Amino acid sequence: MYFPGWTAIEHDEHFKAIFSRHISKHGIKMKAGMVIQRKLLEMIYTIYKTGAPYDKDYHKQYEGEMKEEIVNI
């Protein structure tokens, strides 16, 4: 999962933002890379168990729903 994690950081804006956030918090690149690797493993497991296709923009849809809930509260 080492190389897929670093590739995700390099090519996906969502993972790059998570990586940057963890580096600013801890200052350790390897630790931030492990966070991305864990997120990839969780995503792979979820896709496997549910059988749902991968949706690159899923997190954007979820963020939109959360903003609507906050406004409604």
Protein backbone atom coordinates (compact mmCIF):
# COMPACT_ATOMS: atom_id res chain seq x y z
CA MET A 1 0.00 0.00 0.00
CA TYR A 2 3.05 2.27 0.13
CA PHE A 3 3.22 3.15 -3.57
CA PRO A 4 -0.55 3.37 -4.14
CA GLY A 5 -0.73 5.78 -1.21
CA TRP A 6 1.94 8.09 -2.56
CA THR A 7 0.41 7.92 -6.04
CA ALA A 8 -2.98 8.91 -4.60
CA ILE A 9 -1.34 11.86 -2.83
CA GLU A 10 0.32 12.96 -6.04
CA HIS A 11 -2.69 12.68 -8.37
CA ASP A 12 -5.87 13.14 -6.28
CA GLU A 13 -6.70 16.54 -4.80
CA HIS A 14 -8.77 15.05 -1.97
CA PHE A 15 -5.91 12.85 -0.73
CA LYS A 16 -3.44 15.68 -1.25
CA ALA A 17 -5.50 17.94 1.03
CA ILE A 18 -5.68 15.26 3.73
CA PHE A 19 -1.93 14.70 3.44
CA SER A 20 -1.20 18.43 3.77
CA ARG A 21 -3.49 18.74 6.77
CA HIS A 22 -1.70 15.91 8.59
CA ILE A 23 1.75 17.26 7.76
CA SER A 24 0.82 20.65 9.16
CA LYS A 25 -0.49 18.96 12.31
CA HIS A 26 2.36 16.50 12.96
CA GLY A 27 5.21 17.46 10.62
CA ILE A 28 6.00 13.83 9.76
CA LYS A 29 5.50 12.88 6.10
CA MET A 30 5.63 9.14 6.70
CA LYS A 31 2.89 9.36 9.32
CA ALA A 32 0.71 11.40 6.94
CA GLY A 33 1.40 8.84 4.20
CA MET A 34 0.18 6.07 6.50
CA VAL A 35 -3.08 7.98 7.00
CA ILE A 36 -3.62 7.96 3.23
CA GLN A 37 -2.76 4.26 3.02
CA ARG A 38 -5.33 3.47 5.71
CA LYS A 39 -7.98 5.54 3.91
CA LEU A 40 -7.27 3.62 0.69
CA LEU A 41 -7.58 0.28 2.49
CA GLU A 42 -10.86 1.32 4.09
CA MET A 43 -12.17 2.46 0.72
CA ILE A 44 -11.13 -0.81 -0.97
CA TYR A 45 -12.76 -2.86 1.78
CA THR A 46 -15.99 -0.86 1.62
CA ILE A 47 -16.19 -1.16 -2.16
CA TYR A 48 -15.55 -4.90 -1.88
CA LYS A 49 -18.17 -5.49 0.81
CA THR A 50 -20.92 -3.33 -0.71
CA GLY A 51 -20.23 -4.11 -4.35
CA ALA A 52 -20.77 -0.43 -5.18
CA PRO A 53 -18.75 1.09 -8.01
CA TYR A 54 -16.00 3.59 -7.17
CA ASP A 55 -17.19 7.20 -7.35
CA LYS A 56 -14.35 9.71 -7.35
CA ASP A 57 -16.65 12.59 -6.36
CA TYR A 58 -18.38 10.78 -3.48
CA HIS A 59 -16.75 12.95 -0.82
CA LYS A 60 -18.00 16.10 -2.59
CA GLN A 61 -21.59 14.81 -2.46
CA TYR A 62 -21.21 13.97 1.21
CA GLU A 63 -19.79 17.43 2.01
CA GLY A 64 -22.77 19.03 0.26
CA GLU A 65 -25.21 17.00 2.37
CA MET A 66 -23.38 17.97 5.56
CA LYS A 67 -23.54 21.69 4.67
CA GLU A 68 -27.30 21.40 4.07
CA GLU A 69 -27.79 19.72 7.47
CA ILE A 70 -25.81 22.45 9.22
CA VAL A 71 -27.90 25.16 7.56
CA ASN A 72 -31.13 23.40 8.55
CA ILE A 73 -30.15 23.14 12.22
